[in-house]
Amino acid sequence: MDRTAPTAPPDPTGPPPSVGPAPDACFPDVAGLLDGMPRQRSGAPAVTGRPREAATPVPVRRVHALRRMGRLFPTPTGTPFTFGYGAVLAVVSLVSAQLDPTLVHTLHQGSSTDVAHLVRTPVQVLLTSALWIAGGILSPYAIALLFVLTALERRIGGVRAAAVFLLGHVGATLATEVPIGVAVLAGHLPASSLHRLDYGVSFGVAASLGALTGLLRPWLRWPLLALFAWPLLIDLLAFTDPLTDWGHPIALLIGVSTWPLVRRWHRARLVFPDGEGCSAA
């Protein structure tokens, strides 16, 4: 019988004996994972085909909104015709408010587009009569001129917006004054009708509004036309100032008749934004 030496007891001060590999050394740590839930080990989120866009911060949206609001008003570079014409009208209105009323009335008479002046100096009175705003700078037609001409000029350009304005101003004036001259010659009206007072920007504004509605969407076009035409119809039925009351609807119809032209100008401006003479005639 062989003798074997007794096994020495482990040294409490030495390292622990190696029993074998720890269970977690060969197997991954599954603590905290759920069965049946794939892709739990990826620390980064899965990348899709298109990166997620960051939300637009509130200050940036406010800047865009302010820019859109700013387009409602004329600027020297964006709408030079409206800006310059509006500045001239503002200066004339402010200066005339400081003058003697008798002098202002004399100036109005000299700028009146009545038959007597149209026969003698037609170009002069047609231009100078458009420098006055009946009712002052805060009248409804002055405010409408600011926004309507700005919107029209941004869509078709300054030269063409000025042409539409002048077409309504001159066309409605001649359509109301020429019949007076004919009636006086025929003896149906007294000679004093040749010197009636007629000035202001309202005919041009009405024509510009009529032209602008042709460039708007139907849901905005027809309510805007109805909103503007309704008081004109009321004034026409009241018949307090027949010539002016007829002139505004005529000017509005002149603007509406330019729809095919202003739409073509607008399309050409979208293609050639830097030039007003690039559209095909």
Protein backbone atom coordinates (compact mmCIF):
# COMPACT_ATOMS: atom_id res chain seq x y z
CA MET A 1 0.00 0.00 0.00
CA ASP A 2 1.49 3.22 -1.19
CA ARG A 3 1.70 6.17 1.00
CA THR A 4 0.60 9.57 -0.21
CA ALA A 5 1.54 12.82 1.35
CA PRO A 6 -1.36 14.67 2.87
CA THR A 7 -2.52 17.68 0.99
CA ALA A 8 -1.40 20.89 2.56
CA PRO A 9 -4.14 23.24 3.62
CA PRO A 10 -4.50 26.37 1.48
CA ASP A 11 -2.58 29.38 2.48
CA PRO A 12 -5.04 32.00 3.62
CA THR A 13 -2.64 34.74 2.63
CA GLY A 14 -2.05 33.53 -0.91
CA PRO A 15 -4.19 33.89 -4.01
CA PRO A 16 -7.35 31.78 -4.23
CA PRO A 17 -6.97 28.59 -6.13
CA SER A 18 -8.01 28.53 -9.71
CA VAL A 19 -11.14 26.51 -9.92
CA GLY A 20 -11.93 27.21 -13.59
CA PRO A 21 -13.28 29.98 -15.74
CA ALA A 22 -16.01 32.15 -14.28
CA PRO A 23 -19.46 31.60 -15.75
CA ASP A 24 -19.66 35.15 -17.14
CA ALA A 25 -16.32 34.90 -18.86
CA CYS A 26 -17.62 32.57 -21.53
CA PHE A 27 -21.15 33.86 -21.87
CA PRO A 28 -22.31 37.42 -22.60
CA ASP A 29 -23.98 39.46 -19.96
CA VAL A 30 -27.71 39.08 -20.45
CA ALA A 31 -28.79 40.90 -17.36
CA GLY A 32 -31.41 43.48 -18.16
CA LEU A 33 -32.29 42.04 -21.60
CA LEU A 34 -35.75 40.80 -22.49
CA ASP A 35 -36.53 37.64 -24.39
CA GLY A 36 -37.90 38.13 -27.90
CA MET A 37 -36.66 41.74 -28.22
CA PRO A 38 -34.09 41.90 -31.04
CA ARG A 39 -31.34 44.50 -31.41
CA GLN A 40 -31.13 45.33 -27.71
CA ARG A 41 -27.35 45.47 -27.60
CA SER A 42 -26.83 48.35 -30.06
CA GLY A 43 -25.99 51.51 -28.15
CA ALA A 44 -26.65 53.82 -31.12
CA PRO A 45 -30.04 54.19 -32.78
CA ALA A 46 -30.58 52.49 -36.11
CA VAL A 47 -29.71 54.68 -39.08
CA THR A 48 -32.44 54.96 -41.68
CA GLY A 49 -32.09 56.02 -45.30
CA ARG A 50 -32.57 59.77 -44.68
CA PRO A 51 -31.31 61.58 -41.59
CA ARG A 52 -33.92 63.12 -39.40
CA GLU A 53 -34.36 66.82 -40.01
CA ALA A 54 -34.00 69.10 -37.07
CA ALA A 55 -37.08 71.02 -36.09
CA THR A 56 -37.11 74.65 -37.21
CA PRO A 57 -36.49 76.82 -34.20
CA VAL A 58 -39.16 79.29 -33.25
CA PRO A 59 -37.01 82.42 -33.88
CA VAL A 60 -36.35 81.30 -37.48
CA ARG A 61 -40.07 80.82 -38.12
CA ARG A 62 -40.73 84.27 -36.73
CA VAL A 63 -38.14 85.78 -39.06
CA HIS A 64 -39.82 84.10 -42.05
CA ALA A 65 -43.22 85.37 -40.92
CA LEU A 66 -41.87 88.91 -40.56
CA ARG A 67 -40.38 88.73 -44.04
CA ARG A 68 -43.71 87.65 -45.50
CA MET A 69 -45.45 90.50 -43.69
CA GLY A 70 -42.83 92.91 -44.98
CA ARG A 71 -43.70 91.99 -48.57
CA LEU A 72 -47.09 93.64 -48.07
CA PHE A 73 -45.42 97.05 -47.92
CA PRO A 74 -43.52 98.85 -50.70
CA THR A 75 -39.73 99.04 -50.65
CA PRO A 76 -37.31 101.11 -52.75
CA THR A 77 -35.74 98.02 -54.33
CA GLY A 78 -38.65 95.56 -54.42
CA THR A 79 -41.41 97.93 -55.58
CA PRO A 80 -39.79 101.17 -56.75
CA PHE A 81 -42.87 102.50 -58.57
CA THR A 82 -45.22 102.07 -55.61
CA PHE A 83 -42.63 103.34 -53.16
CA GLY A 84 -41.80 106.43 -55.19
CA TYR A 85 -45.38 107.23 -56.14
CA GLY A 86 -46.56 106.72 -52.56
CA ALA A 87 -43.82 109.03 -51.29
CA VAL A 88 -44.87 111.76 -53.74
CA LEU A 89 -48.53 111.43 -52.71
CA ALA A 90 -47.57 111.59 -49.03
CA VAL A 91 -45.50 114.74 -49.53
CA VAL A 92 -48.26 116.44 -51.56
CA SER A 93 -50.88 115.56 -48.95
CA LEU A 94 -48.76 116.76 -46.02
CA VAL A 95 -47.83 120.01 -47.75
CA SER A 96 -51.40 120.75 -48.87
CA ALA A 97 -52.62 120.21 -45.30
CA GLN A 98 -50.46 123.17 -44.24
CA LEU A 99 -51.59 125.48 -47.05
CA ASP A 100 -54.53 127.84 -47.09
CA PRO A 101 -57.74 126.01 -48.09
CA THR A 102 -58.49 128.59 -50.77
CA LEU A 103 -55.11 127.99 -52.40
CA VAL A 104 -55.60 124.23 -52.24
CA HIS A 105 -59.00 124.55 -53.91
CA THR A 106 -57.42 126.63 -56.69
CA LEU A 107 -54.79 123.94 -57.20
CA HIS A 108 -57.49 121.28 -57.36
CA GLN A 109 -59.35 123.25 -60.00
CA GLY A 110 -56.18 123.64 -62.06
CA SER A 111 -55.61 119.85 -61.90
CA SER A 112 -59.21 118.88 -62.57
CA THR A 113 -59.81 116.47 -65.44
CA ASP A 114 -62.97 118.23 -66.57
CA VAL A 115 -63.89 118.66 -70.22
CA ALA A 116 -62.52 122.21 -70.42
CA HIS A 117 -59.06 121.17 -69.21
CA LEU A 118 -59.03 117.94 -71.23
CA VAL A 119 -59.62 119.94 -74.41
CA ARG A 120 -56.82 122.45 -73.67
CA THR A 121 -54.12 120.52 -71.73
CA PRO A 122 -55.09 116.83 -71.62
CA VAL A 123 -51.69 115.33 -70.72
CA GLN A 124 -50.97 117.87 -68.01
CA VAL A 125 -54.26 117.50 -66.15
CA LEU A 126 -54.32 113.71 -66.50
CA LEU A 127 -50.94 113.55 -64.76
CA THR A 128 -51.42 116.26 -62.14
CA SER A 129 -54.87 115.03 -61.16
CA ALA A 130 -53.23 111.76 -60.06
CA LEU A 131 -51.11 113.65 -57.50
CA TRP A 132 -54.05 114.33 -55.22
CA ILE A 133 -55.85 111.98 -52.86
CA ALA A 134 -59.48 112.88 -52.28
CA GLY A 135 -60.05 112.58 -48.55
CA GLY A 136 -56.42 112.84 -47.49
CA ILE A 137 -53.58 110.44 -46.93
CA LEU A 138 -55.59 108.27 -44.54
CA SER A 139 -58.56 107.81 -46.86
CA PRO A 140 -59.61 104.26 -47.86
CA TYR A 141 -58.34 104.76 -51.41
CA ALA A 142 -54.92 105.87 -50.14
CA ILE A 143 -54.59 102.74 -47.99
CA ALA A 144 -55.86 100.55 -50.83
CA LEU A 145 -53.34 102.12 -53.20
CA LEU A 146 -50.48 101.18 -50.85
CA PHE A 147 -51.34 97.49 -50.60
CA VAL A 148 -52.90 96.91 -54.04
CA LEU A 149 -50.10 98.51 -56.04
CA THR A 150 -47.46 96.77 -53.91
CA ALA A 151 -49.02 93.35 -54.55
CA LEU A 152 -49.52 94.06 -58.26
CA GLU A 153 -45.99 95.39 -58.78
CA ARG A 154 -44.42 92.38 -57.07
CA ARG A 155 -46.24 90.12 -59.54
CA ILE A 156 -45.87 91.97 -62.85
CA GLY A 157 -43.17 94.62 -62.32
CA GLY A 158 -43.13 98.37 -61.83
CA VAL A 159 -43.51 99.56 -65.42
CA ARG A 160 -46.46 97.26 -66.08
CA ALA A 161 -48.13 98.13 -62.77
CA ALA A 162 -47.82 101.81 -63.67
CA ALA A 163 -49.34 101.06 -67.09
CA VAL A 164 -52.35 99.33 -65.51
CA PHE A 165 -52.83 102.22 -63.09
CA LEU A 166 -52.68 104.82 -65.86
CA LEU A 167 -54.96 102.77 -68.08
CA GLY A 168 -57.65 102.81 -65.40
CA HIS A 169 -57.06 106.46 -64.51
CA VAL A 170 -57.15 107.72 -68.09
CA GLY A 171 -59.74 105.26 -69.41
CA ALA A 172 -62.33 105.85 -66.68
CA THR A 173 -61.78 109.62 -66.88
CA LEU A 174 -62.39 109.74 -70.62
CA ALA A 175 -65.33 107.35 -70.34
CA THR A 176 -67.08 109.74 -67.95
CA GLU A 177 -65.99 113.14 -69.30
CA VAL A 178 -66.42 112.61 -73.05
CA PRO A 179 -70.19 111.95 -72.71
CA ILE A 180 -70.48 115.24 -70.80
CA GLY A 181 -68.86 117.16 -73.65
CA VAL A 182 -71.17 115.47 -76.14
CA ALA A 183 -74.23 116.22 -73.98
CA VAL A 184 -73.22 119.88 -73.68
CA LEU A 185 -72.77 120.14 -77.44
CA ALA A 186 -76.17 118.53 -77.95
CA GLY A 187 -77.78 120.98 -75.54
CA HIS A 188 -78.76 118.36 -72.93
CA LEU A 189 -76.45 119.79 -70.24
CA PRO A 190 -75.52 123.38 -69.33
CA ALA A 191 -72.09 124.79 -70.18
CA SER A 192 -71.19 124.82 -66.48
CA SER A 193 -70.86 121.01 -66.66
CA LEU A 194 -67.63 121.52 -68.60
CA HIS A 195 -65.91 122.82 -65.45
CA ARG A 196 -66.80 120.21 -62.85
CA LEU A 197 -64.15 119.30 -60.24
CA ASP A 198 -62.59 115.89 -60.85
CA TYR A 199 -59.26 114.68 -59.43
CA GLY A 200 -57.75 111.86 -57.38
CA VAL A 201 -56.30 108.36 -57.61
CA SER A 202 -59.46 106.32 -57.13
CA PHE A 203 -59.89 105.31 -60.79
CA GLY A 204 -56.32 104.01 -60.95
CA VAL A 205 -56.72 102.12 -57.69
CA ALA A 206 -59.95 100.48 -58.87
CA ALA A 207 -58.30 99.36 -62.12
CA SER A 208 -55.25 98.04 -60.26
CA LEU A 209 -57.45 96.06 -57.89
CA GLY A 210 -59.39 94.60 -60.80
CA ALA A 211 -56.15 93.54 -62.49
CA LEU A 212 -54.70 92.10 -59.27
CA THR A 213 -57.68 89.83 -58.67
CA GLY A 214 -56.92 88.06 -61.92
CA LEU A 215 -53.67 86.82 -60.37
CA LEU A 216 -55.25 85.52 -57.16
CA ARG A 217 -56.76 82.13 -56.43
CA PRO A 218 -60.55 81.88 -56.95
CA TRP A 219 -61.29 81.53 -53.22
CA LEU A 220 -59.73 84.99 -52.70
CA ARG A 221 -60.47 86.59 -56.08
CA TRP A 222 -64.26 86.57 -56.03
CA PRO A 223 -64.79 87.63 -52.37
CA LEU A 224 -62.34 90.51 -52.88
CA LEU A 225 -64.12 91.63 -56.03
CA ALA A 226 -67.49 91.41 -54.31
CA LEU A 227 -66.21 93.30 -51.26
CA PHE A 228 -64.98 96.17 -53.44
CA ALA A 229 -67.85 96.19 -55.96
CA TRP A 230 -70.65 96.20 -53.38
CA PRO A 231 -70.12 99.81 -52.10
CA LEU A 232 -69.64 100.96 -55.71
CA LEU A 233 -73.03 99.49 -56.57
CA ILE A 234 -74.61 101.19 -53.55
CA ASP A 235 -73.16 104.56 -54.61
CA LEU A 236 -74.38 104.02 -58.16
CA LEU A 237 -77.91 103.31 -56.95
CA ALA A 238 -77.83 106.39 -54.71
CA PHE A 239 -76.81 108.46 -57.77
CA THR A 240 -75.45 111.36 -55.71
CA ASP A 241 -72.46 111.95 -58.02
CA PRO A 242 -73.31 110.22 -61.31
CA LEU A 243 -69.98 110.70 -63.07
CA THR A 244 -67.78 109.52 -60.21
CA ASP A 245 -70.22 106.75 -59.34
CA TRP A 246 -70.04 105.46 -62.92
CA GLY A 247 -66.28 106.00 -63.14
CA HIS A 248 -65.33 103.55 -60.39
CA PRO A 249 -67.18 100.52 -61.85
CA ILE A 250 -65.80 101.37 -65.28
CA ALA A 251 -62.25 101.49 -63.87
CA LEU A 252 -62.80 98.17 -62.10
CA LEU A 253 -63.99 96.58 -65.35
CA ILE A 254 -60.95 98.01 -67.16
CA GLY A 255 -58.75 96.22 -64.64
CA VAL A 256 -60.69 92.97 -65.02
CA SER A 257 -60.34 93.20 -68.81
CA THR A 258 -56.53 93.11 -68.41
CA TRP A 259 -56.57 89.61 -66.82
CA PRO A 260 -55.15 87.79 -69.89
CA LEU A 261 -52.40 90.39 -70.22
CA VAL A 262 -51.37 90.56 -66.54
CA ARG A 263 -51.39 86.76 -66.31
CA ARG A 264 -49.02 86.57 -69.26
CA TRP A 265 -46.82 89.24 -67.67
CA HIS A 266 -46.84 87.33 -64.40
CA ARG A 267 -45.79 84.07 -66.07
CA ALA A 268 -43.02 85.88 -67.94
CA ARG A 269 -41.79 87.45 -64.71
CA LEU A 270 -41.59 84.02 -63.07
CA VAL A 271 -39.39 82.82 -65.93
CA PHE A 272 -37.34 86.03 -66.25
CA PRO A 273 -37.44 87.59 -62.75
CA ASP A 274 -34.71 90.13 -63.52
CA GLY A 275 -36.17 91.67 -66.66
CA GLU A 276 -39.51 93.19 -67.51
CA GLY A 277 -39.03 93.12 -71.25
CA CYS A 278 -38.37 89.40 -71.60
CA SER A 279 -41.94 88.27 -72.19
CA ALA A 280 -42.99 87.27 -75.64
CA ALA A 281 -45.16 89.91 -77.21
